[in-house]
Amino acid sequence: MSILLILTLVAGTIYGADRHLPFWLANPPDAVDRVIVDKQARQLYLMHQGKAVRHYSMGMGKNPENHKVQEGDSRTPEGTYTLDWRNPNSRFFRSLHISYPNTQDKATAEAKGVSPGGAIMIHGAPNGLGWLPGILPTGDWTDGCIAVTNAEMAEIWQSVVDGTPIEIHASLSNPPSLE
């Protein structure tokens, strides 16, 4: 009985720490004014005045090639969007919403007779799994979102304000370098 209680307390502490990463573990850069994503290189860049101040490896949708066209295609969209709102209580460690679909995405989907989908986010690991070091993100495992580690998500969360533009590129011939 006491072993079960100890295991429950340890598991609860780990899960709680995973969902509520202490702010002192994040080391956010100042004044991010744009986010750039290079899908082919699996890199997310935080930008300030045209220079990269941070970059992170990332995972994407399970079907990462090409632009998202319809709901359920597991693709990550390509284009210029806005990080327009945030969810501190998502089923992942925090999430920032990407304003997909835009007008062009909706028109493309309508012409094909399909729904464009939505709810595309930048987020951390699924709640309860972020404490597993090195497990996530590896590979492309989301339904079209961009995934980073929880520590990286804590930095991004603190660095990016709602309304920040995000450019998602299939590939960058000249990726940003850190200043």
Protein backbone atom coordinates (compact mmCIF):
# COMPACT_ATOMS: atom_id res chain seq x y z
CA MET A 1 0.00 0.00 0.00
CA SER A 2 2.77 2.48 0.90
CA ILE A 3 4.67 1.59 -2.30
CA LEU A 4 1.57 2.41 -4.34
CA LEU A 5 1.25 5.75 -2.55
CA ILE A 6 4.92 6.59 -3.22
CA LEU A 7 4.61 5.65 -6.90
CA THR A 8 1.47 7.78 -7.20
CA LEU A 9 3.22 10.77 -5.64
CA VAL A 10 6.29 10.38 -7.86
CA ALA A 11 4.19 10.01 -11.02
CA GLY A 12 2.07 13.01 -10.05
CA THR A 13 5.16 15.12 -9.44
CA ILE A 14 6.67 14.14 -12.80
CA TYR A 15 3.40 14.79 -14.64
CA GLY A 16 2.94 18.11 -12.86
CA ALA A 17 6.50 19.18 -13.62
CA ASP A 18 5.97 18.24 -17.26
CA ARG A 19 2.85 20.37 -17.61
CA HIS A 20 4.14 23.35 -15.64
CA LEU A 21 7.78 23.82 -16.56
CA PRO A 22 9.32 26.30 -14.09
CA PHE A 23 9.96 29.65 -15.75
CA TRP A 24 13.61 29.62 -14.70
CA LEU A 25 14.30 26.64 -16.98
CA ALA A 26 13.46 28.75 -20.02
CA ASN A 27 15.96 31.26 -21.34
CA PRO A 28 13.92 33.29 -23.82
CA PRO A 29 15.44 35.74 -26.29
CA ASP A 30 14.18 39.32 -26.32
CA ALA A 31 11.89 40.95 -28.87
CA VAL A 32 11.03 38.26 -31.42
CA ASP A 33 9.30 39.94 -34.38
CA ARG A 34 8.95 36.98 -36.78
CA VAL A 35 9.08 33.19 -36.79
CA ILE A 36 10.47 31.34 -39.81
CA VAL A 37 10.06 27.61 -40.42
CA ASP A 38 12.14 25.52 -42.83
CA LYS A 39 10.20 22.27 -43.28
CA GLN A 40 12.90 20.41 -45.20
CA ALA A 41 15.60 21.20 -42.61
CA ARG A 42 13.10 20.65 -39.73
CA GLN A 43 14.14 24.01 -38.20
CA LEU A 44 12.14 26.78 -36.51
CA TYR A 45 13.85 30.19 -36.22
CA LEU A 46 12.95 33.04 -33.87
CA MET A 47 13.87 36.29 -35.61
CA HIS A 48 14.61 39.86 -34.48
CA GLN A 49 15.24 42.60 -37.06
CA GLY A 50 16.11 40.07 -39.76
CA LYS A 51 18.52 38.02 -37.64
CA ALA A 52 17.93 34.64 -36.03
CA VAL A 53 18.15 34.83 -32.24
CA ARG A 54 17.24 31.15 -31.67
CA HIS A 55 16.63 28.04 -33.72
CA TYR A 56 15.09 24.72 -32.78
CA SER A 57 14.77 21.27 -34.34
CA MET A 58 11.14 20.36 -34.81
CA GLY A 59 8.71 17.67 -35.82
CA MET A 60 5.76 18.18 -38.17
CA GLY A 61 2.74 16.38 -39.55
CA LYS A 62 3.04 12.68 -40.32
CA ASN A 63 2.80 13.52 -44.04
CA PRO A 64 5.20 16.50 -44.16
CA GLU A 65 5.77 16.89 -47.91
CA ASN A 66 3.85 19.63 -49.70
CA HIS A 67 1.33 22.17 -48.46
CA LYS A 68 -1.68 21.28 -46.32
CA VAL A 69 -4.78 21.06 -48.52
CA GLN A 70 -7.47 19.41 -46.45
CA GLU A 71 -8.45 18.33 -43.00
CA GLY A 72 -6.94 14.98 -42.07
CA ASP A 73 -4.06 15.04 -44.59
CA SER A 74 -1.48 15.27 -41.73
CA ARG A 75 0.44 17.96 -43.59
CA THR A 76 1.96 21.11 -42.16
CA PRO A 77 0.84 24.20 -44.12
CA GLU A 78 3.20 26.42 -46.11
CA GLY A 79 2.78 30.17 -46.41
CA THR A 80 2.61 33.32 -44.32
CA TYR A 81 0.33 33.25 -41.29
CA THR A 82 0.03 34.84 -37.86
CA LEU A 83 0.52 33.35 -34.40
CA ASP A 84 -2.81 34.75 -33.28
CA TRP A 85 -3.67 33.15 -29.92
CA ARG A 86 -2.30 30.78 -27.31
CA ASN A 87 -3.62 27.92 -25.22
CA PRO A 88 -1.90 27.25 -21.88
CA ASN A 89 -4.24 24.29 -21.22
CA SER A 90 -4.01 22.28 -24.42
CA ARG A 91 -3.47 18.52 -24.46
CA PHE A 92 0.15 19.32 -25.29
CA PHE A 93 2.63 21.42 -23.32
CA ARG A 94 1.32 24.86 -24.29
CA SER A 95 0.32 25.74 -27.81
CA LEU A 96 0.45 28.77 -30.11
CA HIS A 97 -2.20 28.86 -32.84
CA ILE A 98 -1.14 29.40 -36.46
CA SER A 99 -3.83 31.30 -38.41
CA TYR A 100 -4.24 28.54 -41.02
CA PRO A 101 -6.37 28.45 -43.16
CA ASN A 102 -5.97 31.81 -44.88
CA THR A 103 -8.21 33.03 -47.73
CA GLN A 104 -6.18 31.21 -50.40
CA ASP A 105 -6.17 27.94 -48.39
CA LYS A 106 -9.98 28.14 -48.04
CA ALA A 107 -10.44 28.79 -51.77
CA THR A 108 -8.18 25.85 -52.70
CA ALA A 109 -10.07 23.50 -50.39
CA GLU A 110 -13.46 24.75 -51.60
CA ALA A 111 -12.43 24.16 -55.24
CA LYS A 112 -11.61 20.56 -54.31
CA GLY A 113 -14.81 20.14 -52.33
CA VAL A 114 -13.01 19.49 -49.03
CA SER A 115 -12.58 21.17 -45.67
CA PRO A 116 -9.19 22.90 -45.25
CA GLY A 117 -8.97 21.85 -41.61
CA GLY A 118 -7.54 24.06 -38.89
CA ALA A 119 -6.23 23.95 -35.33
CA ILE A 120 -2.63 24.05 -36.54
CA MET A 121 -0.34 24.91 -33.63
CA ILE A 122 3.23 25.09 -32.41
CA HIS A 123 3.32 22.94 -29.27
CA GLY A 124 5.42 20.83 -26.93
CA ALA A 125 5.06 17.17 -26.07
CA PRO A 126 1.75 15.53 -25.19
CA ASN A 127 0.98 16.24 -21.54
CA GLY A 128 2.58 13.64 -19.32
CA LEU A 129 5.33 12.67 -21.79
CA GLY A 130 7.63 15.72 -21.85
CA TRP A 131 9.75 14.40 -18.99
CA LEU A 132 11.04 11.60 -21.24
CA PRO A 133 14.31 13.17 -22.44
CA GLY A 134 15.15 12.68 -26.08
CA ILE A 135 11.83 11.03 -26.94
CA LEU A 136 10.02 14.01 -28.48
CA PRO A 137 10.20 15.52 -30.96
CA THR A 138 11.72 12.83 -33.11
CA GLY A 139 10.47 12.50 -36.61
CA ASP A 140 7.15 13.75 -37.87
CA TRP A 141 4.34 12.63 -35.59
CA THR A 142 1.71 15.39 -35.41
CA ASP A 143 -1.53 15.84 -37.36
CA GLY A 144 -0.02 18.91 -39.10
CA CYS A 145 1.25 20.93 -36.15
CA ILE A 146 4.84 21.93 -35.41
CA ALA A 147 6.28 20.17 -32.34
CA VAL A 148 9.28 21.12 -30.20
CA THR A 149 10.48 19.99 -26.77
CA ASN A 150 8.79 21.39 -23.67
CA ALA A 151 11.84 23.47 -22.69
CA GLU A 152 11.94 24.94 -26.20
CA MET A 153 8.19 25.59 -26.09
CA ALA A 154 8.65 27.47 -22.80
CA GLU A 155 11.19 29.76 -24.50
CA ILE A 156 9.01 30.26 -27.57
CA TRP A 157 5.94 30.92 -25.37
CA GLN A 158 7.77 33.67 -23.47
CA SER A 159 9.40 35.19 -26.59
CA VAL A 160 6.53 35.37 -29.05
CA VAL A 161 3.56 37.68 -28.58
CA ASP A 162 0.15 37.15 -30.16
CA GLY A 163 0.11 38.74 -33.61
CA THR A 164 3.67 37.67 -34.53
CA PRO A 165 3.97 36.67 -38.21
CA ILE A 166 5.12 33.16 -39.07
CA GLU A 167 6.49 32.11 -42.46
CA ILE A 168 6.40 28.38 -43.16
CA HIS A 169 8.61 27.41 -46.12
CA ALA A 170 8.98 24.05 -47.88
CA SER A 171 12.73 24.78 -47.82
CA LEU A 172 15.03 27.77 -47.50
CA SER A 173 17.92 28.08 -49.94
CA ASN A 174 19.57 30.56 -47.57
CA PRO A 175 18.50 29.76 -43.98
CA PRO A 176 19.00 32.39 -41.28
CA SER A 177 22.16 32.16 -39.20
CA LEU A 178 22.33 32.96 -35.50
CA GLU A 179 23.57 36.45 -34.70
